[in-house]
Protein backbone atom coordinates (compact mmCIF):
# COMPACT_ATOMS: atom_id res chain seq x y z
CA UNK A 1 -27.99 37.25 -42.27
CA UNK A 2 -30.40 36.59 -39.47
CA UNK A 3 -30.36 36.13 -35.86
CA UNK A 4 -30.11 32.70 -34.44
CA UNK A 5 -30.71 31.80 -30.73
CA UNK A 6 -27.91 29.68 -29.16
CA UNK A 7 -28.79 27.73 -25.77
CA UNK A 8 -25.71 28.21 -23.76
CA UNK A 9 -27.00 26.67 -20.35
CA UNK A 10 -30.40 25.44 -19.11
CA UNK A 11 -32.85 28.45 -19.43
CA UNK A 12 -30.30 30.82 -21.06
CA UNK A 13 -30.46 32.14 -24.66
CA UNK A 14 -27.72 34.20 -26.23
CA UNK A 15 -28.06 35.63 -29.75
CA UNK A 16 -25.50 34.35 -32.27
CA UNK A 17 -24.96 37.85 -33.77
CA UNK A 18 -21.72 38.61 -35.79
CA UNK A 19 -20.17 41.65 -34.29
CA UNK A 20 -17.23 43.53 -35.88
CA UNK A 21 -15.82 44.91 -32.84
CA UNK A 22 -14.35 42.67 -29.78
CA UNK A 23 -16.78 42.72 -26.82
CA UNK A 24 -19.17 45.07 -28.62
CA UNK A 25 -22.83 44.89 -28.09
CA UNK A 26 -25.28 46.81 -29.99
CA UNK A 27 -27.74 48.93 -27.97
CA UNK A 28 -30.76 46.60 -28.50
CA UNK A 29 -28.74 43.60 -27.28
CA UNK A 30 -27.29 45.32 -24.40
CA UNK A 31 -30.62 46.86 -23.33
CA UNK A 32 -32.19 43.34 -23.57
CA UNK A 33 -29.36 41.82 -21.68
CA UNK A 34 -28.43 39.47 -24.59
CA UNK A 35 -25.02 38.66 -25.65
CA UNK A 36 -23.34 38.44 -28.90
CA UNK A 37 -20.81 35.93 -30.28
CA UNK A 38 -17.93 38.49 -29.61
CA UNK A 39 -19.19 38.79 -25.89
CA UNK A 40 -19.06 35.02 -25.49
CA UNK A 41 -15.72 34.63 -27.03
CA UNK A 42 -14.11 37.36 -24.75
CA UNK A 43 -15.23 36.73 -21.28
CA UNK A 44 -18.18 34.42 -21.31
CA UNK A 45 -21.96 35.02 -21.01
CA UNK A 46 -23.28 37.94 -19.25
CA UNK A 47 -26.43 37.57 -17.14
CA UNK A 48 -29.57 39.40 -18.42
CA UNK A 49 -33.29 39.73 -18.33
CA UNK A 50 -33.97 36.40 -20.12
CA UNK A 51 -31.81 34.13 -18.08
CA UNK A 52 -34.92 32.50 -16.59
CA UNK A 53 -36.99 32.27 -19.64
CA UNK A 54 -37.14 29.08 -21.99
CA UNK A 55 -36.87 29.35 -25.77
CA UNK A 56 -40.41 28.22 -26.04
CA UNK A 57 -41.51 31.19 -23.62
CA UNK A 58 -39.65 33.64 -25.80
CA UNK A 59 -41.04 32.28 -28.87
CA UNK A 60 -44.69 32.66 -27.42
CA UNK A 61 -44.05 36.05 -26.45
CA UNK A 62 -42.60 36.91 -29.80
CA UNK A 63 -45.77 35.36 -31.51
CA UNK A 64 -48.01 37.45 -29.26
CA UNK A 65 -46.02 40.53 -30.16
CA UNK A 66 -46.35 39.86 -33.99
CA UNK A 67 -50.28 39.11 -33.41
CA UNK A 68 -50.98 42.28 -31.69
CA UNK A 69 -48.75 44.32 -34.08
CA UNK A 70 -50.85 42.82 -36.90
CA UNK A 71 -54.24 43.81 -35.00
CA UNK A 72 -53.19 47.62 -35.12
CA UNK A 73 -52.07 47.35 -38.87
CA UNK A 74 -55.05 45.40 -40.07
CA UNK A 75 -57.48 47.83 -38.22
CA UNK A 76 -55.84 50.86 -39.67
CA UNK A 77 -55.66 49.41 -43.03
CA UNK A 78 -59.53 48.53 -42.98
CA UNK A 79 -59.14 44.82 -43.41
CA UNK A 80 -62.03 43.66 -41.41
CA UNK A 81 -62.04 39.91 -42.09
CA UNK A 82 -58.34 39.59 -41.43
CA UNK A 83 -58.52 41.59 -38.41
CA UNK A 84 -61.48 39.54 -36.96
CA UNK A 85 -59.44 36.30 -37.54
CA UNK A 86 -56.81 37.36 -34.90
CA UNK A 87 -59.65 36.67 -32.23
CA UNK A 88 -60.76 33.37 -31.01
CA UNK A 89 -64.09 32.36 -32.40
CA UNK A 90 -65.84 33.63 -29.11
CA UNK A 91 -63.51 36.62 -28.90
CA UNK A 92 -64.69 40.05 -27.52
CA UNK A 93 -63.61 43.67 -27.75
CA UNK A 94 -64.92 45.94 -25.02
CA UNK A 95 -64.58 49.67 -25.81
CA UNK A 96 -66.54 52.94 -25.38
CA UNK A 97 -69.23 51.60 -27.71
CA UNK A 98 -69.96 48.68 -25.70
CA UNK A 99 -68.98 44.90 -25.95
CA UNK A 100 -68.76 43.18 -29.40
CA UNK A 101 -68.44 39.54 -29.22
CA UNK A 102 -67.87 36.61 -31.90
CA UNK A 103 -66.25 36.78 -35.33
CA UNK A 104 -69.19 38.02 -37.48
CA UNK A 105 -69.98 40.87 -34.96
CA UNK A 106 -66.33 41.95 -34.99
CA UNK A 107 -66.14 41.91 -38.82
CA UNK A 108 -69.27 44.20 -38.78
CA UNK A 109 -67.82 46.55 -36.36
CA UNK A 110 -64.50 46.76 -38.46
CA UNK A 111 -66.56 47.16 -41.65
CA UNK A 112 -68.83 50.17 -40.04
CA UNK A 113 -65.82 52.35 -38.91
CA UNK A 114 -65.01 55.39 -41.03
CA UNK A 115 -62.03 57.74 -41.04
CA UNK A 116 -58.47 57.25 -40.81
CA UNK A 117 -56.39 56.24 -38.00
CA UNK A 118 -52.90 54.97 -36.96
CA UNK A 119 -52.59 53.20 -33.76
CA UNK A 120 -49.27 53.01 -32.01
CA UNK A 121 -48.82 50.65 -28.91
CA UNK A 122 -45.91 50.94 -26.61
CA UNK A 123 -44.77 49.81 -23.01
CA UNK A 124 -46.17 46.42 -23.56
CA UNK A 125 -45.99 43.54 -21.03
CA UNK A 126 -46.85 39.88 -21.52
CA UNK A 127 -47.43 37.35 -18.74
CA UNK A 128 -47.58 33.74 -19.87
CA UNK A 129 -49.54 31.04 -18.06
CA UNK A 130 -49.52 27.88 -20.04
CA UNK A 131 -51.97 28.26 -22.86
CA UNK A 132 -53.18 31.77 -21.81
CA UNK A 133 -51.54 34.94 -21.65
CA UNK A 134 -52.13 38.34 -20.25
CA UNK A 135 -51.00 41.44 -22.26
CA UNK A 136 -51.28 45.13 -21.29
CA UNK A 137 -50.06 47.97 -23.42
CA UNK A 138 -50.32 51.81 -23.81
CA UNK A 139 -52.18 53.03 -26.94
CA UNK A 140 -52.09 56.19 -28.90
CA UNK A 141 -54.51 56.80 -31.70
CA UNK A 142 -53.73 59.34 -34.25
CA UNK A 143 -56.22 60.34 -37.07
CA UNK A 144 -59.31 62.00 -38.01
CA UNK A 145 -63.01 60.92 -38.23
CA UNK A 146 -63.71 62.72 -41.47
CA UNK A 147 -61.58 63.64 -44.34
CA UNK A 148 -62.22 67.33 -43.77
CA UNK A 149 -60.95 67.10 -40.17
CA UNK A 150 -57.35 67.89 -39.15
CA UNK A 151 -55.42 65.06 -37.99
CA UNK A 152 -55.10 64.86 -34.05
CA UNK A 153 -54.48 62.48 -31.23
CA UNK A 154 -57.94 60.77 -30.85
CA UNK A 155 -57.25 58.71 -28.02
CA UNK A 156 -54.86 57.69 -25.29
CA UNK A 157 -55.78 54.36 -23.56
CA UNK A 158 -54.56 50.90 -22.44
CA UNK A 159 -55.18 47.70 -24.12
CA UNK A 160 -55.92 44.84 -21.45
CA UNK A 161 -55.85 41.58 -23.23
CA UNK A 162 -56.43 37.87 -22.50
CA UNK A 163 -54.92 35.64 -25.14
CA UNK A 164 -55.30 32.01 -25.70
CA UNK A 165 -53.01 29.54 -27.75
CA UNK A 166 -55.15 27.67 -30.42
CA UNK A 167 -54.29 25.20 -33.09
CA UNK A 168 -53.78 28.21 -35.30
CA UNK A 169 -51.40 30.08 -32.80
CA UNK A 170 -52.18 32.76 -30.18
CA UNK A 171 -55.45 34.53 -30.54
CA UNK A 172 -57.30 37.33 -28.70
CA UNK A 173 -59.74 35.92 -26.35
CA UNK A 174 -60.86 39.47 -24.93
CA UNK A 175 -59.54 42.98 -25.53
CA UNK A 176 -60.57 45.92 -23.32
CA UNK A 177 -59.81 49.41 -24.31
CA UNK A 178 -59.56 51.58 -21.23
CA UNK A 179 -59.50 55.04 -22.21
CA UNK A 180 -57.08 57.68 -20.27
CA UNK A 181 -57.25 60.86 -22.16
CA UNK A 182 -58.99 62.28 -23.90
CA UNK A 183 -62.35 60.41 -23.92
CA UNK A 184 -62.79 58.59 -27.27
CA UNK A 185 -64.74 60.52 -30.06
């Protein structure tokens, strides 16, 4: 059983989620300000944070969220070609080592890395502006540079991204890694 969006009024989306208890919302639907089928059948639709968003805007934000989740997974799994495909052809990555731009340079950067890492992103915000978007998220990197090193927090930073809608979907136009603490090693 999946979730299905139901447009209940212009600019409003409710999730059609079966709910075993009358008037019950799951913590995630309540926190997101979404309603369930049970809520609509017992007192109408409750206003929420997505009241002013269109279904297309919600879909764009979900697609961007998935793109950026794939970014971390593909980097951590050492898949350089698939990782570089998440960028526009002229896409760039600015990090402590400088700026890397263009697909081939991004593939080479990813191939040259060593060690093991797990990237975790949180507190993400996405602002849409037509066929472009701005994304900021907090980043924690756990791992080690060499197999004989202990596992540790390697980096705390922010991702600051500009994204572009392409024929193939949303892609990263530019990503900047702004280190907070500690400095990257």
